[in-house]
Amino acid sequence: MIVPVENITDGMILEAPLINCYGQTLLSSGIELSRKHIRLLKTWNIIIVSVKSYGSEEEPVEINPEL
């Protein structure tokens, strides 16, 4: 599930590795995201991430193709 960084909550699991434009892995898949990670994502100007769905109550997010 693709989630905007501002909607990430503690405990979400990163579904795919987060890789920068130089091919460097910033965060590995399977990491449980915390407030520290969320601050880093914002510092790195990351807009969206892919997380494992952990609840059926969440609504799908429509992503602008420009992102």
C-alpha atoms as a PDB file:
ATOM      1  CA  MET A   1       0.000   0.000   0.000  1.00  0.00           C
ATOM      2  CA  ILE A   2       1.375   3.416  -0.956  1.00  0.00           C
ATOM      3  CA  VAL A   3       1.131   5.934   1.878  1.00  0.00           C
ATOM      4  CA  PRO A   4       2.077   9.626   1.959  1.00  0.00           C
ATOM      5  CA  VAL A   5       4.769  10.252   4.575  1.00  0.00           C
ATOM      6  CA  GLU A   6       2.478  12.545   6.564  1.00  0.00           C
ATOM      7  CA  ASN A   7       0.051   9.617   7.021  1.00  0.00           C
ATOM      8  CA  ILE A   8       2.617   7.132   8.331  1.00  0.00           C
ATOM      9  CA  THR A   9       2.090   6.002  11.903  1.00  0.00           C
ATOM     10  CA  ASP A  10       4.406   4.227  14.336  1.00  0.00           C
ATOM     11  CA  GLY A  11       4.465   0.502  13.736  1.00  0.00           C
ATOM     12  CA  MET A  12       3.849   0.492   9.977  1.00  0.00           C
ATOM     13  CA  ILE A  13       6.145  -1.948   8.178  1.00  0.00           C
ATOM     14  CA  LEU A  14       8.120  -0.834   5.127  1.00  0.00           C
ATOM     15  CA  GLU A  15       7.104  -3.150   2.280  1.00  0.00           C
ATOM     16  CA  ALA A  16       9.921  -2.362  -0.158  1.00  0.00           C
ATOM     17  CA  PRO A  17      13.411  -1.004   0.387  1.00  0.00           C
ATOM     18  CA  LEU A  18      13.706   2.750   0.165  1.00  0.00           C
ATOM     19  CA  ILE A  19      16.368   3.550  -2.422  1.00  0.00           C
ATOM     20  CA  ASN A  20      17.664   6.997  -3.356  1.00  0.00           C
ATOM     21  CA  CYS A  21      18.455   8.279  -6.853  1.00  0.00           C
ATOM     22  CA  TYR A  22      22.047   6.999  -6.527  1.00  0.00           C
ATOM     23  CA  GLY A  23      20.909   3.422  -5.890  1.00  0.00           C
ATOM     24  CA  GLN A  24      21.783   3.532  -2.200  1.00  0.00           C
ATOM     25  CA  THR A  25      19.430   1.772   0.215  1.00  0.00           C
ATOM     26  CA  LEU A  26      18.204   4.275   2.776  1.00  0.00           C
ATOM     27  CA  LEU A  27      15.920   1.867   4.662  1.00  0.00           C
ATOM     28  CA  SER A  28      15.543  -1.873   4.168  1.00  0.00           C
ATOM     29  CA  SER A  29      12.214  -3.569   3.611  1.00  0.00           C
ATOM     30  CA  GLY A  30      10.612  -5.040   6.712  1.00  0.00           C
ATOM     31  CA  ILE A  31      11.638  -2.184   9.004  1.00  0.00           C
ATOM     32  CA  GLU A  32       9.024  -1.156  11.536  1.00  0.00           C
ATOM     33  CA  LEU A  33       8.712   2.593  11.088  1.00  0.00           C
ATOM     34  CA  SER A  34       8.971   4.857  14.119  1.00  0.00           C
ATOM     35  CA  ARG A  35       8.859   8.601  14.698  1.00  0.00           C
ATOM     36  CA  LYS A  36      12.621   8.681  14.079  1.00  0.00           C
ATOM     37  CA  HIS A  37      12.159   7.126  10.630  1.00  0.00           C
ATOM     38  CA  ILE A  38       9.308   9.516   9.810  1.00  0.00           C
ATOM     39  CA  ARG A  39      11.548  12.509  10.655  1.00  0.00           C
ATOM     40  CA  LEU A  40      14.296  11.077   8.434  1.00  0.00           C
ATOM     41  CA  LEU A  41      11.882  10.539   5.537  1.00  0.00           C
ATOM     42  CA  LYS A  42      10.769  14.164   5.781  1.00  0.00           C
ATOM     43  CA  THR A  43      14.409  15.339   5.989  1.00  0.00           C
ATOM     44  CA  TRP A  44      15.202  13.310   2.847  1.00  0.00           C
ATOM     45  CA  ASN A  45      12.174  14.900   1.098  1.00  0.00           C
ATOM     46  CA  ILE A  46      10.528  11.504   0.623  1.00  0.00           C
ATOM     47  CA  ILE A  47       6.870  12.039  -0.309  1.00  0.00           C
ATOM     48  CA  ILE A  48       5.444   8.501  -0.359  1.00  0.00           C
ATOM     49  CA  VAL A  49       6.482   5.027   0.788  1.00  0.00           C
ATOM     50  CA  SER A  50       5.169   1.513   0.327  1.00  0.00           C
ATOM     51  CA  VAL A  51       4.031  -0.145   3.545  1.00  0.00           C
ATOM     52  CA  LYS A  52       2.442  -3.491   4.290  1.00  0.00           C
ATOM     53  CA  SER A  53      -1.286  -3.183   4.857  1.00  0.00           C
ATOM     54  CA  TYR A  54      -2.050  -3.945   8.470  1.00  0.00           C
ATOM     55  CA  GLY A  55      -5.662  -2.897   8.735  1.00  0.00           C
ATOM     56  CA  SER A  56      -8.725  -3.139   6.539  1.00  0.00           C
ATOM     57  CA  GLU A  57     -10.153   0.143   7.819  1.00  0.00           C
ATOM     58  CA  GLU A  58      -7.648   2.183   5.835  1.00  0.00           C
ATOM     59  CA  GLU A  59      -8.853   3.803   2.650  1.00  0.00           C
ATOM     60  CA  PRO A  60      -6.769   3.541  -0.521  1.00  0.00           C
ATOM     61  CA  VAL A  61      -4.764   6.625  -1.355  1.00  0.00           C
ATOM     62  CA  GLU A  62      -4.847   8.035  -4.847  1.00  0.00           C
ATOM     63  CA  ILE A  63      -1.360   9.033  -5.944  1.00  0.00           C
ATOM     64  CA  ASN A  64      -0.778  11.890  -8.359  1.00  0.00           C
ATOM     65  CA  PRO A  65       1.137  10.496 -11.410  1.00  0.00           C
ATOM     66  CA  GLU A  66       3.592  13.406 -11.125  1.00  0.00           C
ATOM     67  CA  LEU A  67       4.903  11.941  -7.842  1.00  0.00           C
END
